[in-house]
Protein backbone atom coordinates (compact mmCIF):
# COMPACT_ATOMS: atom_id res chain seq x y z
CA MET A 1 131.64 25.49 8.09
CA ILE A 2 129.41 28.44 8.94
CA LYS A 3 126.27 28.78 6.86
CA SER A 4 124.83 32.17 6.11
CA ILE A 5 121.32 32.91 7.26
CA PHE A 6 119.22 34.87 4.78
CA PHE A 7 116.35 37.16 5.68
CA LYS A 8 113.73 38.27 3.23
CA THR A 9 112.74 41.90 3.66
CA GLY A 10 110.59 43.38 0.95
CA ALA A 11 112.14 42.43 -2.38
CA ALA A 12 115.70 41.82 -1.17
CA PHE A 13 117.50 39.09 0.70
CA PHE A 14 120.00 40.13 3.35
CA ASP A 15 122.79 37.97 4.66
CA PHE A 16 122.79 37.81 8.47
CA TYR A 17 126.46 38.80 8.61
CA ASP A 18 125.84 41.81 6.37
CA ILE A 19 123.11 42.97 8.74
CA ILE A 20 125.48 42.67 11.70
CA ALA A 21 128.17 44.58 9.77
CA PHE A 22 125.73 47.38 8.87
CA SER A 23 124.48 47.64 12.43
CA ASN A 24 128.03 48.20 13.67
CA LEU A 25 128.68 51.08 11.25
CA THR A 26 128.38 54.66 12.35
CA ASN A 27 126.82 57.36 10.21
CA GLN A 28 130.29 58.70 9.33
CA GLU A 29 131.35 55.36 7.84
CA VAL A 30 128.27 54.95 5.67
CA ILE A 31 128.60 58.34 3.97
CA MET A 32 131.95 58.22 2.18
CA ALA A 33 131.04 59.66 -1.22
CA LEU A 34 129.73 63.12 -1.93
CA ASP A 35 125.96 63.29 -1.88
CA SER A 36 124.16 64.70 -4.89
CA ALA A 37 123.06 67.90 -3.12
CA LYS A 38 126.64 68.81 -2.24
CA LYS A 39 127.79 67.99 -5.78
CA ALA A 40 125.03 70.18 -7.25
CA GLU A 41 126.03 73.05 -4.96
CA ILE A 42 129.68 72.79 -6.03
CA VAL A 43 128.76 72.55 -9.71
CA ALA A 44 126.50 75.61 -9.44
CA LYS A 45 129.25 77.62 -7.76
CA PHE A 46 132.08 76.82 -10.19
CA ALA A 47 130.25 76.18 -13.49
CA ARG A 48 130.99 78.39 -16.47
CA LYS A 49 127.42 77.96 -17.71
CA GLU A 50 124.32 76.09 -16.60
CA LYS A 51 124.75 72.31 -16.23
CA ASP A 52 128.51 72.56 -16.78
CA THR A 53 130.13 69.57 -15.10
CA GLY A 54 133.16 69.04 -17.31
CA SER A 55 135.08 72.28 -17.00
CA PRO A 56 138.38 72.05 -15.13
CA GLU A 57 137.14 74.46 -12.46
CA VAL A 58 134.20 72.20 -11.57
CA GLN A 59 136.32 69.06 -11.67
CA ILE A 60 138.96 70.60 -9.41
CA ALA A 61 136.29 71.74 -6.94
CA LEU A 62 134.66 68.29 -6.85
CA LEU A 63 138.02 66.58 -6.38
CA THR A 64 138.88 69.02 -3.59
CA ALA A 65 135.64 68.15 -1.78
CA ARG A 66 136.48 64.45 -2.09
CA VAL A 67 140.01 65.11 -0.79
CA GLU A 68 138.60 66.92 2.24
CA GLU A 69 136.17 64.08 3.03
CA LEU A 70 138.85 61.41 2.63
CA THR A 71 141.24 63.42 4.80
CA GLU A 72 138.66 63.54 7.59
CA HIS A 73 138.04 59.80 7.17
CA LEU A 74 141.77 59.05 7.41
CA LYS A 75 142.11 61.11 10.59
CA ILE A 76 139.74 58.62 12.24
CA TYR A 77 140.87 55.44 10.46
CA LYS A 78 144.64 55.76 10.28
CA LYS A 79 145.21 52.20 9.00
CA ASP A 80 142.84 52.42 6.04
CA HIS A 81 145.54 52.08 3.40
CA SER A 82 143.22 51.56 0.43
CA SER A 83 141.52 54.88 1.12
CA ARG A 84 144.93 56.51 1.49
CA LEU A 85 145.92 55.18 -1.94
CA GLY A 86 142.66 56.49 -3.40
CA LEU A 87 143.36 59.87 -1.81
CA LEU A 88 146.79 60.02 -3.45
CA LYS A 89 145.25 59.20 -6.84
CA ILE A 90 142.63 61.93 -6.43
CA VAL A 91 145.29 64.47 -5.40
CA GLY A 92 147.37 63.54 -8.46
CA ARG A 93 144.38 63.94 -10.78
CA ARG A 94 143.58 67.33 -9.23
CA LYS A 95 147.21 68.40 -9.62
CA ARG A 96 147.17 67.53 -13.34
CA LEU A 97 143.91 69.43 -13.85
CA MET A 98 145.32 72.45 -12.03
CA LYS A 99 148.44 72.35 -14.22
CA TYR A 100 146.22 72.25 -17.32
CA LEU A 101 144.02 75.12 -16.11
CA LYS A 102 147.06 77.22 -15.22
CA ALA A 103 148.43 76.82 -18.76
CA LYS A 104 145.10 77.47 -20.53
CA ASP A 105 143.37 80.13 -18.40
CA TYR A 106 145.49 81.70 -15.68
CA ALA A 107 142.71 84.03 -14.47
CA ALA A 108 140.35 81.10 -13.87
CA TYR A 109 143.21 79.23 -12.17
CA THR A 110 143.87 82.04 -9.68
CA LYS A 111 140.13 82.35 -8.99
CA VAL A 112 139.81 78.61 -8.27
CA ILE A 113 142.82 78.43 -5.95
CA ALA A 114 141.62 81.52 -4.08
CA GLU A 115 138.09 80.14 -3.57
CA LEU A 116 139.26 76.65 -2.59
CA ASN A 117 142.17 77.85 -0.41
CA LEU A 118 144.73 75.84 -2.38
CA ARG A 119 148.43 76.58 -2.74
CA ASP A 120 149.98 77.81 -5.98
CA LYS A 121 153.03 75.79 -6.96
């Protein structure tokens, strides 16, 4: 049986094996989610009004950014099946939002697909 070795650094305890795992990660692996600055930039670009995060345009743009990041991740890590499943779920959610936006506001829909370089189905 292997016992974990704990290190106390500041206010947190770190498992020795976690430290080894973190030291083997590259910068690309650590940053999987969108950072807040990039999210704020996307929200500012597609928002209907100030601090609008719930409109379909903003949601589609945020999902598209996540799709692009996951696609780049999967080009490097081809066997990461859980990320591939997450990508398919995100694409499906974006597809449903685009269908909704197309039915409710066609002008906004065409603007979004033009700015994000998406296909119209």
